[in-house]
N, C-alpha and C. Protein backbone atom coordinates (compact mmCIF):
# COMPACT_ATOMS: atom_id res chain seq x y z
N MET A 1 -8.18 -5.02 21.20
CA MET A 1 -8.54 -5.38 19.83
C MET A 1 -7.29 -5.67 19.02
N ASN A 2 -7.01 -6.93 18.88
CA ASN A 2 -5.82 -7.37 18.15
C ASN A 2 -6.23 -8.00 16.83
N PRO A 3 -6.05 -7.30 15.71
CA PRO A 3 -6.49 -7.85 14.42
C PRO A 3 -5.76 -9.12 14.02
N PHE A 4 -4.60 -9.39 14.63
CA PHE A 4 -3.82 -10.57 14.25
C PHE A 4 -4.38 -11.85 14.87
N LYS A 5 -5.37 -11.72 15.74
CA LYS A 5 -6.06 -12.91 16.23
C LYS A 5 -6.94 -13.50 15.14
N LYS A 6 -7.30 -12.68 14.16
CA LYS A 6 -8.15 -13.12 13.06
C LYS A 6 -7.40 -13.24 11.75
N TYR A 7 -6.47 -12.30 11.51
CA TYR A 7 -5.76 -12.24 10.23
C TYR A 7 -4.26 -12.33 10.46
N ASN A 8 -3.61 -13.31 9.83
CA ASN A 8 -2.18 -13.50 10.03
C ASN A 8 -1.35 -12.51 9.22
N PHE A 9 -1.80 -12.20 8.00
CA PHE A 9 -1.06 -11.30 7.11
C PHE A 9 -1.99 -10.17 6.67
N ILE A 10 -1.69 -8.96 7.12
CA ILE A 10 -2.48 -7.78 6.79
C ILE A 10 -1.62 -6.83 5.97
N ALA A 11 -2.13 -6.42 4.82
CA ALA A 11 -1.46 -5.42 4.00
C ALA A 11 -2.26 -4.13 4.05
N VAL A 12 -1.57 -3.03 4.27
CA VAL A 12 -2.21 -1.71 4.30
C VAL A 12 -1.81 -0.97 3.04
N GLU A 13 -2.81 -0.53 2.28
CA GLU A 13 -2.56 0.18 1.04
C GLU A 13 -3.23 1.55 1.07
N GLY A 14 -2.93 2.34 0.06
CA GLY A 14 -3.49 3.67 -0.05
C GLY A 14 -2.66 4.47 -1.03
N ASN A 15 -3.18 5.60 -1.41
CA ASN A 15 -2.47 6.46 -2.35
C ASN A 15 -1.25 7.09 -1.67
N ILE A 16 -0.44 7.81 -2.42
CA ILE A 16 0.72 8.50 -1.87
C ILE A 16 0.25 9.54 -0.86
N GLY A 17 0.76 9.47 0.37
CA GLY A 17 0.37 10.43 1.39
C GLY A 17 -0.82 10.02 2.23
N ALA A 18 -1.28 8.78 2.08
CA ALA A 18 -2.46 8.33 2.84
C ALA A 18 -2.14 8.04 4.30
N GLY A 19 -0.87 7.77 4.61
CA GLY A 19 -0.49 7.47 5.99
C GLY A 19 -0.25 6.00 6.26
N LYS A 20 0.00 5.23 5.22
CA LYS A 20 0.17 3.78 5.35
C LYS A 20 1.31 3.40 6.30
N THR A 21 2.47 3.98 6.05
CA THR A 21 3.65 3.60 6.82
C THR A 21 3.53 4.00 8.28
N SER A 22 3.03 5.20 8.54
CA SER A 22 2.84 5.65 9.92
C SER A 22 1.87 4.75 10.66
N PHE A 23 0.81 4.35 9.99
CA PHE A 23 -0.18 3.47 10.60
C PHE A 23 0.41 2.10 10.91
N CYS A 24 1.17 1.55 9.97
CA CYS A 24 1.79 0.24 10.19
C CYS A 24 2.82 0.29 11.32
N ASN A 25 3.58 1.36 11.37
CA ASN A 25 4.57 1.49 12.45
C ASN A 25 3.90 1.51 13.82
N ARG A 26 2.77 2.22 13.94
CA ARG A 26 2.09 2.27 15.23
C ARG A 26 1.56 0.89 15.60
N ILE A 27 1.00 0.19 14.64
CA ILE A 27 0.49 -1.15 14.92
C ILE A 27 1.63 -2.08 15.35
N ALA A 28 2.76 -2.00 14.66
CA ALA A 28 3.89 -2.85 15.02
C ALA A 28 4.42 -2.54 16.41
N ASP A 29 4.33 -1.28 16.81
CA ASP A 29 4.76 -0.90 18.16
C ASP A 29 3.84 -1.48 19.22
N ASP A 30 2.56 -1.68 18.87
CA ASP A 30 1.56 -2.09 19.86
C ASP A 30 1.34 -3.59 19.91
N PHE A 31 1.73 -4.30 18.85
CA PHE A 31 1.48 -5.73 18.80
C PHE A 31 2.76 -6.48 18.43
N ASN A 32 2.80 -7.74 18.81
CA ASN A 32 3.98 -8.56 18.55
C ASN A 32 3.91 -9.11 17.12
N CYS A 33 4.01 -8.19 16.15
CA CYS A 33 3.90 -8.62 14.76
C CYS A 33 5.16 -8.22 13.98
N GLN A 34 5.39 -8.95 12.92
CA GLN A 34 6.47 -8.62 12.00
C GLN A 34 5.99 -7.48 11.09
N ILE A 35 6.86 -6.54 10.79
CA ILE A 35 6.49 -5.42 9.92
C ILE A 35 7.38 -5.41 8.68
N ILE A 36 6.75 -5.18 7.53
CA ILE A 36 7.46 -5.07 6.26
C ILE A 36 7.14 -3.69 5.68
N LEU A 37 8.14 -2.85 5.55
CA LEU A 37 7.94 -1.49 5.04
C LEU A 37 8.67 -1.31 3.73
N GLU A 38 8.01 -0.66 2.80
CA GLU A 38 8.62 -0.41 1.50
C GLU A 38 9.77 0.59 1.62
N SER A 39 10.91 0.24 1.05
CA SER A 39 12.09 1.11 1.12
C SER A 39 12.18 1.96 -0.14
N PHE A 40 11.15 2.79 -0.35
CA PHE A 40 11.07 3.55 -1.60
C PHE A 40 12.15 4.61 -1.71
N GLU A 41 12.67 5.09 -0.60
CA GLU A 41 13.69 6.15 -0.66
C GLU A 41 15.01 5.64 -1.22
N ASP A 42 15.18 4.33 -1.30
CA ASP A 42 16.40 3.76 -1.86
C ASP A 42 16.37 3.71 -3.39
N ASN A 43 15.21 4.03 -3.98
CA ASN A 43 15.09 3.96 -5.43
C ASN A 43 15.80 5.14 -6.07
N PRO A 44 16.92 4.91 -6.76
CA PRO A 44 17.71 6.03 -7.30
C PRO A 44 17.03 6.74 -8.46
N PHE A 45 15.99 6.12 -9.04
CA PHE A 45 15.32 6.70 -10.20
C PHE A 45 14.11 7.55 -9.83
N LEU A 46 13.71 7.53 -8.54
CA LEU A 46 12.46 8.18 -8.15
C LEU A 46 12.46 9.69 -8.37
N PRO A 47 13.49 10.42 -7.95
CA PRO A 47 13.48 11.87 -8.20
C PRO A 47 13.39 12.21 -9.68
N GLN A 48 14.13 11.47 -10.51
CA GLN A 48 14.08 11.73 -11.95
C GLN A 48 12.72 11.38 -12.54
N PHE A 49 12.08 10.36 -11.98
CA PHE A 49 10.77 9.95 -12.49
C PHE A 49 9.75 11.06 -12.34
N TYR A 50 9.71 11.70 -11.17
CA TYR A 50 8.72 12.75 -10.96
C TYR A 50 8.97 13.96 -11.86
N GLN A 51 10.21 14.14 -12.28
CA GLN A 51 10.53 15.26 -13.17
C GLN A 51 10.34 14.88 -14.64
N ASN A 52 10.60 13.61 -14.99
CA ASN A 52 10.50 13.17 -16.38
C ASN A 52 9.93 11.75 -16.39
N PRO A 53 8.61 11.59 -16.16
CA PRO A 53 8.03 10.25 -15.99
C PRO A 53 8.14 9.35 -17.21
N GLU A 54 8.03 9.90 -18.39
CA GLU A 54 8.10 9.05 -19.58
C GLU A 54 9.47 8.38 -19.73
N ARG A 55 10.50 9.10 -19.40
CA ARG A 55 11.85 8.56 -19.56
C ARG A 55 12.20 7.57 -18.45
N TYR A 56 11.77 7.84 -17.24
CA TYR A 56 12.24 7.05 -16.10
C TYR A 56 11.20 6.10 -15.53
N ALA A 57 10.03 5.97 -16.16
CA ALA A 57 8.99 5.11 -15.61
C ALA A 57 9.43 3.64 -15.53
N PHE A 58 10.03 3.14 -16.60
CA PHE A 58 10.39 1.71 -16.60
C PHE A 58 11.47 1.37 -15.56
N PRO A 59 12.58 2.11 -15.50
CA PRO A 59 13.57 1.76 -14.47
C PRO A 59 13.06 1.95 -13.05
N VAL A 60 12.21 2.97 -12.83
CA VAL A 60 11.72 3.18 -11.47
C VAL A 60 10.81 2.03 -11.05
N GLU A 61 9.97 1.55 -11.97
CA GLU A 61 9.07 0.45 -11.64
C GLU A 61 9.82 -0.88 -11.53
N LEU A 62 10.82 -1.08 -12.36
CA LEU A 62 11.61 -2.31 -12.29
C LEU A 62 12.37 -2.39 -10.97
N PHE A 63 12.93 -1.27 -10.53
CA PHE A 63 13.63 -1.24 -9.26
C PHE A 63 12.67 -1.55 -8.11
N PHE A 64 11.49 -0.91 -8.13
CA PHE A 64 10.51 -1.15 -7.09
C PHE A 64 10.11 -2.63 -7.05
N MET A 65 9.90 -3.22 -8.21
CA MET A 65 9.46 -4.61 -8.25
C MET A 65 10.50 -5.54 -7.64
N THR A 66 11.77 -5.37 -8.01
CA THR A 66 12.80 -6.27 -7.49
C THR A 66 13.01 -6.07 -6.00
N GLU A 67 12.93 -4.82 -5.53
CA GLU A 67 13.11 -4.56 -4.10
C GLU A 67 11.94 -5.11 -3.29
N ARG A 68 10.71 -4.90 -3.79
CA ARG A 68 9.54 -5.43 -3.09
C ARG A 68 9.59 -6.95 -3.03
N HIS A 69 10.01 -7.56 -4.14
CA HIS A 69 10.10 -9.02 -4.16
C HIS A 69 11.11 -9.52 -3.13
N LYS A 70 12.24 -8.86 -3.06
CA LYS A 70 13.27 -9.26 -2.10
C LYS A 70 12.76 -9.13 -0.66
N GLN A 71 12.09 -8.02 -0.37
CA GLN A 71 11.56 -7.79 0.98
C GLN A 71 10.51 -8.83 1.35
N LEU A 72 9.55 -9.04 0.45
CA LEU A 72 8.45 -9.95 0.75
C LEU A 72 8.92 -11.40 0.81
N GLN A 73 9.89 -11.73 -0.01
CA GLN A 73 10.44 -13.09 0.04
C GLN A 73 11.06 -13.37 1.40
N ALA A 74 11.79 -12.38 1.92
CA ALA A 74 12.39 -12.55 3.24
C ALA A 74 11.34 -12.56 4.34
N GLY A 75 10.35 -11.67 4.23
CA GLY A 75 9.36 -11.52 5.30
C GLY A 75 8.27 -12.57 5.31
N LEU A 76 7.79 -12.98 4.13
CA LEU A 76 6.66 -13.90 4.07
C LEU A 76 7.07 -15.35 3.95
N LEU A 77 8.14 -15.60 3.22
CA LEU A 77 8.57 -16.99 3.03
C LEU A 77 9.52 -17.46 4.13
N GLU A 78 10.16 -16.49 4.81
CA GLU A 78 11.04 -16.81 5.94
C GLU A 78 10.72 -15.86 7.09
N PRO A 79 9.51 -15.96 7.66
CA PRO A 79 9.07 -15.00 8.68
C PRO A 79 9.87 -15.09 9.97
N GLU A 80 9.86 -13.99 10.70
CA GLU A 80 10.54 -13.95 11.99
C GLU A 80 9.86 -14.91 12.95
N LEU A 81 10.65 -15.54 13.78
CA LEU A 81 10.12 -16.46 14.79
C LEU A 81 9.47 -15.69 15.92
N PHE A 82 8.48 -16.33 16.55
CA PHE A 82 7.83 -15.81 17.75
C PHE A 82 7.08 -14.50 17.48
N LYS A 83 6.59 -14.31 16.26
CA LYS A 83 5.75 -13.17 15.93
C LYS A 83 4.32 -13.66 15.71
N ASP A 84 3.36 -12.83 16.08
CA ASP A 84 1.95 -13.24 16.01
C ASP A 84 1.32 -13.01 14.64
N GLY A 85 2.00 -12.32 13.76
CA GLY A 85 1.46 -12.05 12.44
C GLY A 85 2.38 -11.09 11.70
N THR A 86 1.93 -10.67 10.52
CA THR A 86 2.73 -9.77 9.69
C THR A 86 1.86 -8.64 9.18
N ILE A 87 2.41 -7.42 9.22
CA ILE A 87 1.75 -6.28 8.61
C ILE A 87 2.73 -5.63 7.63
N ALA A 88 2.23 -5.24 6.46
CA ALA A 88 3.06 -4.59 5.45
C ALA A 88 2.37 -3.34 4.95
N ASP A 89 3.16 -2.33 4.59
CA ASP A 89 2.56 -1.09 4.09
C ASP A 89 2.42 -1.11 2.56
N TYR A 90 2.38 -2.30 2.00
CA TYR A 90 2.08 -2.49 0.58
C TYR A 90 1.82 -3.97 0.34
N PHE A 91 1.23 -4.30 -0.80
CA PHE A 91 1.18 -5.70 -1.23
C PHE A 91 1.75 -5.77 -2.63
N PHE A 92 2.23 -6.95 -3.01
CA PHE A 92 3.08 -7.02 -4.20
C PHE A 92 2.34 -6.61 -5.47
N LEU A 93 1.05 -6.84 -5.54
CA LEU A 93 0.31 -6.47 -6.74
C LEU A 93 0.32 -4.96 -6.98
N LYS A 94 0.64 -4.18 -5.95
CA LYS A 94 0.81 -2.74 -6.13
C LYS A 94 1.80 -2.46 -7.26
N THR A 95 2.79 -3.32 -7.39
CA THR A 95 3.80 -3.18 -8.43
C THR A 95 3.15 -3.11 -9.81
N LEU A 96 2.21 -4.02 -10.05
CA LEU A 96 1.56 -4.05 -11.36
C LEU A 96 0.59 -2.90 -11.55
N LEU A 97 -0.06 -2.47 -10.47
CA LEU A 97 -1.01 -1.36 -10.56
C LEU A 97 -0.29 -0.06 -10.91
N PHE A 98 0.83 0.21 -10.25
CA PHE A 98 1.59 1.42 -10.56
C PHE A 98 2.17 1.34 -11.97
N ALA A 99 2.64 0.15 -12.35
CA ALA A 99 3.20 -0.01 -13.69
C ALA A 99 2.15 0.24 -14.76
N LYS A 100 0.94 -0.23 -14.52
CA LYS A 100 -0.15 0.00 -15.47
C LYS A 100 -0.40 1.49 -15.65
N ASN A 101 -0.27 2.23 -14.57
CA ASN A 101 -0.52 3.66 -14.62
C ASN A 101 0.63 4.44 -15.26
N ASN A 102 1.86 3.92 -15.14
CA ASN A 102 3.04 4.70 -15.51
C ASN A 102 3.71 4.28 -16.82
N LEU A 103 3.51 3.04 -17.25
CA LEU A 103 4.25 2.53 -18.40
C LEU A 103 3.45 2.61 -19.69
N SER A 104 4.17 2.60 -20.79
CA SER A 104 3.52 2.49 -22.09
C SER A 104 2.98 1.07 -22.25
N ASP A 105 2.12 0.85 -23.23
CA ASP A 105 1.52 -0.47 -23.42
C ASP A 105 2.58 -1.54 -23.66
N GLU A 106 3.57 -1.23 -24.48
CA GLU A 106 4.62 -2.20 -24.78
C GLU A 106 5.46 -2.50 -23.55
N GLU A 107 5.81 -1.47 -22.80
CA GLU A 107 6.58 -1.67 -21.57
C GLU A 107 5.77 -2.48 -20.56
N HIS A 108 4.49 -2.18 -20.48
CA HIS A 108 3.64 -2.87 -19.51
C HIS A 108 3.51 -4.35 -19.82
N ARG A 109 3.43 -4.71 -21.10
CA ARG A 109 3.35 -6.12 -21.47
C ARG A 109 4.61 -6.87 -21.03
N LEU A 110 5.77 -6.28 -21.26
CA LEU A 110 7.03 -6.90 -20.84
C LEU A 110 7.11 -6.98 -19.32
N PHE A 111 6.75 -5.90 -18.66
CA PHE A 111 6.80 -5.82 -17.21
C PHE A 111 5.88 -6.88 -16.58
N SER A 112 4.71 -7.05 -17.16
CA SER A 112 3.73 -8.01 -16.63
C SER A 112 4.25 -9.44 -16.67
N ARG A 113 5.00 -9.78 -17.71
CA ARG A 113 5.57 -11.13 -17.80
C ARG A 113 6.51 -11.42 -16.63
N VAL A 114 7.38 -10.45 -16.35
CA VAL A 114 8.32 -10.63 -15.24
C VAL A 114 7.57 -10.67 -13.92
N PHE A 115 6.59 -9.79 -13.77
CA PHE A 115 5.81 -9.73 -12.53
C PHE A 115 5.14 -11.07 -12.23
N LYS A 116 4.53 -11.68 -13.22
CA LYS A 116 3.79 -12.93 -13.00
C LYS A 116 4.71 -14.03 -12.50
N VAL A 117 5.93 -14.06 -12.99
CA VAL A 117 6.90 -15.06 -12.52
C VAL A 117 7.25 -14.82 -11.05
N LEU A 118 7.51 -13.55 -10.71
CA LEU A 118 7.91 -13.23 -9.34
C LEU A 118 6.76 -13.36 -8.36
N ASN A 119 5.55 -13.10 -8.82
CA ASN A 119 4.40 -13.09 -7.93
C ASN A 119 3.88 -14.48 -7.60
N ALA A 120 4.30 -15.47 -8.36
CA ALA A 120 3.71 -16.82 -8.23
C ALA A 120 3.88 -17.43 -6.85
N SER A 121 4.94 -17.07 -6.15
CA SER A 121 5.24 -17.74 -4.88
C SER A 121 4.65 -17.04 -3.66
N PHE A 122 4.06 -15.85 -3.83
CA PHE A 122 3.63 -15.08 -2.67
C PHE A 122 2.17 -15.36 -2.30
N PRO A 123 1.90 -15.49 -0.99
CA PRO A 123 0.50 -15.57 -0.56
C PRO A 123 -0.16 -14.20 -0.63
N LYS A 124 -1.47 -14.19 -0.86
CA LYS A 124 -2.19 -12.93 -0.82
C LYS A 124 -2.46 -12.57 0.64
N PRO A 125 -2.67 -11.30 0.93
CA PRO A 125 -3.00 -10.91 2.31
C PRO A 125 -4.29 -11.57 2.77
N ASP A 126 -4.36 -11.87 4.05
CA ASP A 126 -5.62 -12.35 4.63
C ASP A 126 -6.63 -11.21 4.71
N LEU A 127 -6.12 -9.98 4.81
CA LEU A 127 -6.97 -8.79 4.79
C LEU A 127 -6.17 -7.66 4.14
N LEU A 128 -6.78 -7.01 3.15
CA LEU A 128 -6.18 -5.84 2.54
C LEU A 128 -6.96 -4.62 3.01
N VAL A 129 -6.25 -3.69 3.66
CA VAL A 129 -6.86 -2.46 4.16
C VAL A 129 -6.41 -1.31 3.28
N TYR A 130 -7.38 -0.59 2.73
CA TYR A 130 -7.06 0.58 1.89
C TYR A 130 -7.51 1.83 2.61
N LEU A 131 -6.55 2.72 2.93
CA LEU A 131 -6.85 3.98 3.59
C LEU A 131 -7.14 5.03 2.52
N HIS A 132 -8.37 5.47 2.47
CA HIS A 132 -8.80 6.38 1.39
C HIS A 132 -8.85 7.83 1.88
N ARG A 133 -8.19 8.69 1.13
CA ARG A 133 -8.26 10.13 1.36
C ARG A 133 -8.48 10.83 0.02
N SER A 134 -9.07 12.02 0.07
CA SER A 134 -9.23 12.80 -1.14
C SER A 134 -7.87 13.27 -1.64
N VAL A 135 -7.81 13.62 -2.92
CA VAL A 135 -6.56 14.11 -3.51
C VAL A 135 -6.08 15.36 -2.77
N GLU A 136 -7.00 16.22 -2.40
CA GLU A 136 -6.63 17.45 -1.68
C GLU A 136 -5.98 17.13 -0.34
N ASN A 137 -6.54 16.14 0.36
CA ASN A 137 -6.00 15.73 1.65
C ASN A 137 -4.63 15.08 1.48
N LEU A 138 -4.48 14.30 0.44
CA LEU A 138 -3.18 13.67 0.15
C LEU A 138 -2.11 14.73 -0.08
N GLN A 139 -2.45 15.77 -0.83
CA GLN A 139 -1.48 16.83 -1.12
C GLN A 139 -1.06 17.56 0.15
N VAL A 140 -1.99 17.74 1.07
CA VAL A 140 -1.64 18.37 2.36
C VAL A 140 -0.61 17.52 3.09
N ASN A 141 -0.83 16.21 3.13
CA ASN A 141 0.11 15.32 3.81
C ASN A 141 1.45 15.26 3.10
N ILE A 142 1.43 15.25 1.78
CA ILE A 142 2.67 15.23 1.01
C ILE A 142 3.49 16.48 1.30
N GLU A 143 2.82 17.62 1.37
CA GLU A 143 3.53 18.87 1.65
C GLU A 143 4.09 18.87 3.07
N LYS A 144 3.34 18.32 4.02
CA LYS A 144 3.79 18.29 5.42
C LYS A 144 5.08 17.50 5.58
N ARG A 145 5.21 16.38 4.88
CA ARG A 145 6.41 15.57 5.09
C ARG A 145 7.61 16.08 4.30
N GLY A 146 7.38 16.97 3.36
CA GLY A 146 8.45 17.76 2.77
C GLY A 146 9.54 17.02 2.02
N ARG A 147 9.19 15.95 1.34
CA ARG A 147 10.18 15.26 0.53
C ARG A 147 10.36 16.03 -0.79
N GLU A 148 11.58 16.41 -1.07
CA GLU A 148 11.85 17.26 -2.21
C GLU A 148 11.37 16.63 -3.51
N TYR A 149 11.60 15.32 -3.67
CA TYR A 149 11.26 14.68 -4.93
C TYR A 149 9.76 14.49 -5.12
N GLU A 150 8.95 14.75 -4.07
CA GLU A 150 7.50 14.60 -4.19
C GLU A 150 6.80 15.93 -4.50
N LYS A 151 7.54 17.02 -4.54
CA LYS A 151 6.90 18.33 -4.68
C LYS A 151 6.25 18.51 -6.06
N ASP A 152 6.64 17.70 -7.04
CA ASP A 152 6.08 17.83 -8.39
C ASP A 152 4.93 16.87 -8.65
N ILE A 153 4.49 16.13 -7.63
CA ILE A 153 3.35 15.22 -7.82
C ILE A 153 2.09 16.03 -8.07
N THR A 154 1.40 15.73 -9.14
CA THR A 154 0.21 16.50 -9.51
C THR A 154 -1.07 15.85 -8.99
N ASN A 155 -2.12 16.65 -8.92
CA ASN A 155 -3.43 16.11 -8.55
C ASN A 155 -3.89 15.06 -9.56
N ASP A 156 -3.58 15.31 -10.82
CA ASP A 156 -3.98 14.38 -11.87
C ASP A 156 -3.32 13.01 -11.70
N TYR A 157 -2.04 13.02 -11.32
CA TYR A 157 -1.32 11.76 -11.10
C TYR A 157 -1.93 10.99 -9.93
N LEU A 158 -2.23 11.68 -8.83
CA LEU A 158 -2.84 11.03 -7.67
C LEU A 158 -4.22 10.48 -8.02
N LYS A 159 -4.97 11.22 -8.80
CA LYS A 159 -6.30 10.77 -9.18
C LYS A 159 -6.22 9.52 -10.05
N LYS A 160 -5.26 9.47 -10.96
CA LYS A 160 -5.09 8.29 -11.81
C LYS A 160 -4.72 7.06 -10.98
N LEU A 161 -3.84 7.25 -9.99
CA LEU A 161 -3.48 6.12 -9.12
C LEU A 161 -4.70 5.62 -8.35
N GLN A 162 -5.47 6.56 -7.84
CA GLN A 162 -6.68 6.19 -7.10
C GLN A 162 -7.63 5.39 -7.98
N ASN A 163 -7.83 5.83 -9.21
CA ASN A 163 -8.71 5.12 -10.12
C ASN A 163 -8.18 3.73 -10.45
N THR A 164 -6.85 3.61 -10.56
CA THR A 164 -6.25 2.30 -10.85
C THR A 164 -6.49 1.32 -9.71
N TYR A 165 -6.34 1.80 -8.48
CA TYR A 165 -6.64 0.95 -7.32
C TYR A 165 -8.09 0.47 -7.36
N PHE A 166 -9.02 1.39 -7.57
CA PHE A 166 -10.44 1.03 -7.50
C PHE A 166 -10.87 0.16 -8.67
N GLU A 167 -10.25 0.32 -9.81
CA GLU A 167 -10.52 -0.60 -10.92
C GLU A 167 -10.13 -2.02 -10.55
N PHE A 168 -8.99 -2.16 -9.88
CA PHE A 168 -8.55 -3.48 -9.43
C PHE A 168 -9.49 -4.04 -8.36
N PHE A 169 -9.86 -3.21 -7.39
CA PHE A 169 -10.72 -3.68 -6.31
C PHE A 169 -12.04 -4.23 -6.82
N ARG A 170 -12.59 -3.62 -7.87
CA ARG A 170 -13.89 -4.04 -8.39
C ARG A 170 -13.84 -5.44 -9.00
N THR A 171 -12.65 -5.91 -9.34
CA THR A 171 -12.54 -7.23 -9.98
C THR A 171 -11.92 -8.29 -9.07
N GLU A 172 -11.41 -7.90 -7.91
CA GLU A 172 -10.70 -8.82 -7.03
C GLU A 172 -11.67 -9.45 -6.03
N MET A 173 -11.82 -10.78 -6.12
CA MET A 173 -12.76 -11.48 -5.25
C MET A 173 -12.08 -12.62 -4.48
N SER A 174 -10.77 -12.63 -4.41
CA SER A 174 -10.08 -13.73 -3.75
C SER A 174 -9.64 -13.38 -2.33
N MET A 175 -9.87 -12.15 -1.90
CA MET A 175 -9.50 -11.75 -0.54
C MET A 175 -10.42 -10.62 -0.10
N PRO A 176 -10.62 -10.44 1.21
CA PRO A 176 -11.42 -9.30 1.68
C PRO A 176 -10.63 -8.00 1.56
N ILE A 177 -11.29 -6.98 1.01
CA ILE A 177 -10.68 -5.66 0.85
C ILE A 177 -11.48 -4.67 1.68
N LEU A 178 -10.86 -4.12 2.69
CA LEU A 178 -11.52 -3.17 3.59
C LEU A 178 -11.10 -1.76 3.21
N ILE A 179 -12.01 -1.01 2.60
CA ILE A 179 -11.74 0.38 2.21
C ILE A 179 -12.31 1.29 3.28
N ILE A 180 -11.44 2.05 3.93
CA ILE A 180 -11.87 2.92 5.03
C ILE A 180 -11.64 4.38 4.65
N ASP A 181 -12.68 5.16 4.73
CA ASP A 181 -12.56 6.60 4.48
C ASP A 181 -11.93 7.25 5.70
N VAL A 182 -10.68 7.69 5.56
CA VAL A 182 -9.95 8.28 6.70
C VAL A 182 -9.67 9.76 6.45
N GLU A 183 -10.57 10.41 5.71
CA GLU A 183 -10.37 11.80 5.32
C GLU A 183 -10.07 12.70 6.52
N LYS A 184 -10.81 12.53 7.60
CA LYS A 184 -10.65 13.39 8.77
C LYS A 184 -9.92 12.68 9.91
N ALA A 185 -9.40 11.51 9.65
CA ALA A 185 -8.82 10.69 10.72
C ALA A 185 -7.36 11.06 10.99
N ASP A 186 -7.03 11.18 12.25
CA ASP A 186 -5.64 11.33 12.69
C ASP A 186 -5.34 10.14 13.58
N PHE A 187 -4.88 9.05 12.97
CA PHE A 187 -4.69 7.82 13.74
C PHE A 187 -3.34 7.77 14.44
N LEU A 188 -2.53 8.83 14.32
CA LEU A 188 -1.27 8.88 15.06
C LEU A 188 -1.45 9.56 16.42
N LYS A 189 -2.19 10.66 16.45
CA LYS A 189 -2.35 11.43 17.68
C LYS A 189 -3.66 11.14 18.40
N ASP A 190 -4.64 10.65 17.68
CA ASP A 190 -5.97 10.42 18.26
C ASP A 190 -6.14 8.94 18.56
N ASP A 191 -6.05 8.59 19.85
CA ASP A 191 -6.16 7.19 20.25
C ASP A 191 -7.54 6.61 19.98
N VAL A 192 -8.57 7.44 20.10
CA VAL A 192 -9.93 6.95 19.87
C VAL A 192 -10.09 6.50 18.42
N THR A 193 -9.61 7.33 17.50
CA THR A 193 -9.68 6.99 16.08
C THR A 193 -8.84 5.75 15.78
N TYR A 194 -7.67 5.70 16.33
CA TYR A 194 -6.77 4.55 16.12
C TYR A 194 -7.44 3.26 16.58
N ASN A 195 -8.08 3.29 17.75
CA ASN A 195 -8.73 2.09 18.27
C ASN A 195 -9.95 1.70 17.46
N LYS A 196 -10.63 2.69 16.88
CA LYS A 196 -11.75 2.39 15.99
C LYS A 196 -11.26 1.65 14.74
N LEU A 197 -10.12 2.07 14.23
CA LEU A 197 -9.54 1.40 13.07
C LEU A 197 -9.15 -0.04 13.42
N LEU A 198 -8.55 -0.23 14.58
CA LEU A 198 -8.20 -1.58 15.01
C LEU A 198 -9.43 -2.47 15.13
N LYS A 199 -10.52 -1.91 15.66
CA LYS A 199 -11.75 -2.68 15.79
C LYS A 199 -12.28 -3.10 14.42
N LEU A 200 -12.24 -2.17 13.46
CA LEU A 200 -12.68 -2.49 12.11
C LEU A 200 -11.83 -3.60 11.50
N MET A 201 -10.54 -3.56 11.79
CA MET A 201 -9.62 -4.55 11.23
C MET A 201 -9.71 -5.90 11.94
N SER A 202 -10.49 -5.98 13.00
CA SER A 202 -10.61 -7.22 13.76
C SER A 202 -11.91 -7.96 13.48
N GLU A 203 -12.70 -7.46 12.53
CA GLU A 203 -14.00 -8.05 12.24
C GLU A 203 -13.94 -8.94 10.99
N ASP A 204 -15.01 -9.70 10.80
CA ASP A 204 -15.12 -10.58 9.63
C ASP A 204 -15.62 -9.80 8.43
N TYR A 205 -15.07 -10.13 7.24
CA TYR A 205 -15.51 -9.46 6.02
C TYR A 205 -15.66 -10.47 4.90
N LYS A 206 -16.58 -10.18 4.00
CA LYS A 206 -16.77 -11.01 2.81
C LYS A 206 -15.63 -10.77 1.83
N LEU A 207 -15.44 -11.68 0.90
CA LEU A 207 -14.44 -11.49 -0.13
C LEU A 207 -14.86 -10.33 -1.04
N GLY A 208 -13.87 -9.59 -1.52
CA GLY A 208 -14.16 -8.43 -2.34
C GLY A 208 -14.23 -7.17 -1.50
N ILE A 209 -14.89 -6.14 -2.04
CA ILE A 209 -14.90 -4.81 -1.42
C ILE A 209 -15.83 -4.75 -0.22
N ASN A 210 -15.31 -4.16 0.87
CA ASN A 210 -16.09 -3.80 2.05
C ASN A 210 -15.77 -2.34 2.35
N TYR A 211 -16.73 -1.45 2.11
CA TYR A 211 -16.46 -0.02 2.21
C TYR A 211 -17.02 0.55 3.51
N ILE A 212 -16.16 1.25 4.25
CA ILE A 212 -16.55 1.85 5.52
C ILE A 212 -16.48 3.37 5.40
N THR A 213 -17.61 4.04 5.60
CA THR A 213 -17.64 5.51 5.62
C THR A 213 -17.58 5.99 7.05
N THR A 214 -16.71 6.93 7.35
CA THR A 214 -16.57 7.43 8.72
C THR A 214 -16.70 8.95 8.74
N ASN A 215 -16.91 9.47 9.93
CA ASN A 215 -16.95 10.93 10.14
C ASN A 215 -15.96 11.32 11.23
N TRP A 216 -14.86 10.57 11.34
CA TRP A 216 -13.90 10.80 12.41
C TRP A 216 -13.14 12.09 12.19
């Protein structure tokens, strides 16, 4: 089950701690695809943001936007040769969704102007996959990976991000959005679950939201 036979550009999204990067890495290991991973650890403002979000929200989001633009410009506009497709653990519109959640109204208006200019040249994903987990499950994963700067992430912040994603999904009709409930899924160690996800990603979907409930 090779999802790149159907979709050339797949973006995997999800809240903090959903497992996006781990999932993309496994797919890249198994298929001849180009992988684009967000280099969030290079953001010098991130630790300060979690401690003082009002003060550091604008620089943290501006840094993320410029870095994501640079990565996607290299990966999507000048793709690697002899690759069967591209998978990314984010899509560029994530920049605006996080900014909406983190910035003041005045900052967001300014940020949106810059975003629209940078976003104009990028193709949308052929398939957007959103890995959905409960806030409680996200916190378990965040604690497991033990990043010092993430220890102050609150349930309320994660819930707001989740709501921002779903508000966007309800209005987006230009690409198929596959929302998969992976609450009990271990797609790194469980090959059966991993292959079920690949099968889901290899099927046809209508534009807009396609929600998959699982009991894995």
